[in-house]
Structure formats: C-alpha cells, structure tokens
Amino acid sequence: MTTRTIVFFATLAILIAIPAALLRSAEAPPATEPGATTKPDAGNKFYGVVMAVDADAKTFTIDNQVYHVVADSQMTKAADNSPATLADATVGQPARGSFKKAADGTLNVTKVRFGRKTGGKAGGGKGGKKKSSDAATTQQ
C-alpha cells in the first residue's frame, strides 16, 4: 500500500468515528422527576406537599408525581417517629422520603415520613450578637 492509500483509509475511519461518538454523547440523560434528586449511592429522594392520596391504589402524589407504597416501604410519622400507614398521609401536609424507579416506570417508596416534626426551637427569634446597649446593661 502506498502512503496515500493509508492516509485515505485513516481519514475515512476518523470521519466515520466522529459522528458516531457525537451521536452517543448527544443522547439525553434519563429524566428526573420534579421535586426529586438523584445522587450516586443515595437513591432518589422526594420532598413536598401531599397533593392526593389513593388508599385503594396505595399511592400518594407530590409535585404531580405518583409514589407507590409497596410491601417493603418504611413509613413513619415525623411528629414522633412512630410507625405510619398510608392513612397518615394527609393532603396539604409535607412528606419526604426516597424511592426506587421500577422497570415499568413506577416510583416505589422505600422510606417516607409524613407530616411535620413537633417541638424543637421556635424559628424567627432574636438570635445573633447582642447590641452594645444591651451588653452595657447586663454588665452593671
């Protein structure tokens, strides 16, 4: 073979390989659900306000995503960490947890906490540094 033939075939191979590589990199990554985050080894998480509950279908909806409660789902009440059931999912109340996406596209809940925590510090207080006038009155 001549050098010219080798250069021709090398150029041809490159011209064929580049579009194939660009096509693979242009494929869209898997879509994530609104209100859900995906992290390696952390599973898929959700957080939001419960918009609907269907006890017969064993589902609840957050941010227009339907989450299915399955036999392995661990459910708790946020108020006291006691075990919960789907009946504890209240429309208008928050829920947070994690899920696995099944092969058929359903979002199966692995863990969920229904409701708000109770107790703890009240927010919006006067935290931070004291004003100089306050410091002067306390040092008398």
Protein backbone atom coordinates (compact mmCIF):
# COMPACT_ATOMS: atom_id res chain seq x y z
CA MET A 1 0.00 0.00 0.00
CA THR A 2 1.07 3.49 -0.66
CA THR A 3 1.18 6.26 1.89
CA ARG A 4 -1.63 7.96 0.06
CA THR A 5 -3.90 4.92 0.48
CA ILE A 6 -3.09 4.61 4.18
CA VAL A 7 -3.88 8.31 4.75
CA PHE A 8 -7.15 7.92 2.80
CA PHE A 9 -8.34 4.97 4.92
CA ALA A 10 -7.23 6.62 8.18
CA THR A 11 -9.16 9.78 7.27
CA LEU A 12 -12.19 7.72 6.29
CA ALA A 13 -12.10 5.86 9.64
CA ILE A 14 -11.93 9.14 11.56
CA LEU A 15 -14.81 10.63 9.58
CA ILE A 16 -16.95 7.60 10.40
CA ALA A 17 -15.96 7.51 14.10
CA ILE A 18 -16.61 11.20 14.88
CA PRO A 19 -20.36 11.28 14.06
CA ALA A 20 -20.89 8.04 15.98
CA ALA A 21 -19.15 9.48 19.06
CA LEU A 22 -21.13 12.73 18.79
CA LEU A 23 -24.38 10.81 18.48
CA ARG A 24 -23.66 8.83 21.66
CA SER A 25 -22.78 11.97 23.63
CA ALA A 26 -25.91 13.76 22.41
CA GLU A 27 -28.27 11.16 23.82
CA ALA A 28 -30.42 12.67 26.55
CA PRO A 29 -29.67 11.59 30.12
CA PRO A 30 -32.52 9.91 31.98
CA ALA A 31 -35.11 12.42 33.10
CA THR A 32 -35.55 13.01 36.81
CA GLU A 33 -38.85 13.70 38.44
CA PRO A 34 -39.67 17.23 39.60
CA GLY A 35 -39.06 17.53 43.31
CA ALA A 36 -36.70 14.57 43.19
CA THR A 37 -32.95 14.46 43.36
CA THR A 38 -30.66 11.76 42.14
CA LYS A 39 -27.26 11.18 43.72
CA PRO A 40 -24.97 8.18 43.29
CA ASP A 41 -25.48 5.66 46.10
CA ALA A 42 -28.02 7.95 47.78
CA GLY A 43 -31.12 6.80 45.92
CA ASN A 44 -33.83 9.05 44.59
CA LYS A 45 -35.34 11.44 47.10
CA PHE A 46 -38.53 13.44 47.19
CA TYR A 47 -39.92 16.22 49.35
CA GLY A 48 -43.08 18.22 49.04
CA VAL A 49 -46.69 18.70 49.98
CA VAL A 50 -49.04 15.74 49.55
CA MET A 51 -51.46 16.69 46.77
CA ALA A 52 -53.57 13.49 46.68
CA VAL A 53 -53.88 10.10 48.40
CA ASP A 54 -55.44 6.98 46.85
CA ALA A 55 -55.77 4.30 49.54
CA ASP A 56 -57.16 1.71 47.09
CA ALA A 57 -54.19 2.07 44.71
CA LYS A 58 -51.78 2.56 47.66
CA THR A 59 -50.39 5.78 46.20
CA PHE A 60 -49.84 9.40 47.12
CA THR A 61 -48.97 12.33 44.86
CA ILE A 62 -46.34 15.03 45.38
CA ASP A 63 -45.48 17.59 42.68
CA ASN A 64 -47.60 15.67 40.14
CA GLN A 65 -45.54 12.52 40.73
CA VAL A 66 -47.36 9.41 41.92
CA TYR A 67 -45.47 7.38 44.52
CA HIS A 68 -46.48 3.76 45.18
CA VAL A 69 -46.38 2.25 48.66
CA VAL A 70 -45.12 -1.33 48.41
CA ALA A 71 -44.64 -4.12 50.94
CA ASP A 72 -41.04 -3.03 51.66
CA SER A 73 -41.93 0.66 52.21
CA GLN A 74 -40.91 2.00 55.62
CA MET A 75 -43.38 4.67 56.75
CA THR A 76 -43.10 6.89 59.84
CA LYS A 77 -44.79 9.93 61.33
CA ALA A 78 -42.45 12.92 61.51
CA ALA A 79 -44.05 14.17 64.73
CA ASP A 80 -42.93 11.26 66.92
CA ASN A 81 -41.12 8.75 64.66
CA SER A 82 -43.85 6.19 65.26
CA PRO A 83 -44.84 3.76 62.51
CA ALA A 84 -47.26 5.19 59.96
CA THR A 85 -49.72 3.89 57.41
CA LEU A 86 -50.96 5.42 54.19
CA ALA A 87 -53.88 6.80 56.22
CA ASP A 88 -51.33 9.14 57.87
CA ALA A 89 -50.64 10.81 54.51
CA THR A 90 -52.71 13.97 54.71
CA VAL A 91 -53.38 16.23 51.73
CA GLY A 92 -51.73 19.59 52.36
CA GLN A 93 -49.10 18.20 54.74
CA PRO A 94 -45.44 17.62 53.85
CA ALA A 95 -43.85 14.27 53.14
CA ARG A 96 -40.25 13.36 52.43
CA GLY A 97 -38.51 10.16 51.59
CA SER A 98 -36.79 8.05 49.00
CA PHE A 99 -37.91 5.80 46.19
CA LYS A 100 -36.71 3.38 43.55
CA LYS A 101 -37.87 3.58 39.97
CA ALA A 102 -39.15 0.20 38.78
CA ALA A 103 -38.59 -1.17 35.28
CA ASP A 104 -42.17 -0.25 34.35
CA GLY A 105 -41.59 3.37 35.44
CA THR A 106 -43.49 3.31 38.74
CA LEU A 107 -41.91 5.13 41.66
CA ASN A 108 -41.85 2.67 44.58
CA VAL A 109 -41.37 4.24 48.01
CA THR A 110 -38.53 2.82 50.09
CA LYS A 111 -38.90 5.26 53.03
CA VAL A 112 -41.31 8.08 53.78
CA ARG A 113 -42.01 10.43 56.71
CA PHE A 114 -45.45 12.02 56.78
CA GLY A 115 -46.19 15.37 58.44
CA ARG A 116 -44.14 17.96 60.28
CA LYS A 117 -41.85 17.49 63.23
CA THR A 118 -43.16 18.86 66.50
CA GLY A 119 -41.21 20.58 69.26
CA GLY A 120 -37.75 21.99 68.79
CA LYS A 121 -36.72 25.63 68.74
CA ALA A 122 -39.14 28.24 67.51
CA GLY A 123 -37.83 29.99 64.43
CA GLY A 124 -37.57 33.72 63.90
CA GLY A 125 -36.09 34.55 67.30
CA LYS A 126 -33.69 37.35 68.14
CA GLY A 127 -30.55 35.28 67.73
CA GLY A 128 -27.17 36.72 66.91
CA LYS A 129 -24.89 39.20 68.66
CA LYS A 130 -26.20 41.50 71.35
CA LYS A 131 -26.28 45.19 70.71
CA SER A 132 -23.77 47.32 72.58
CA SER A 133 -26.53 48.93 74.66
CA ASP A 134 -27.76 45.51 75.77
CA ALA A 135 -24.23 44.47 76.69
CA ALA A 136 -23.76 47.60 78.80
CA THR A 137 -26.93 47.00 80.82
CA THR A 138 -26.03 43.39 81.58
CA GLN A 139 -22.52 44.22 82.81
CA GLN A 140 -23.56 46.64 85.58
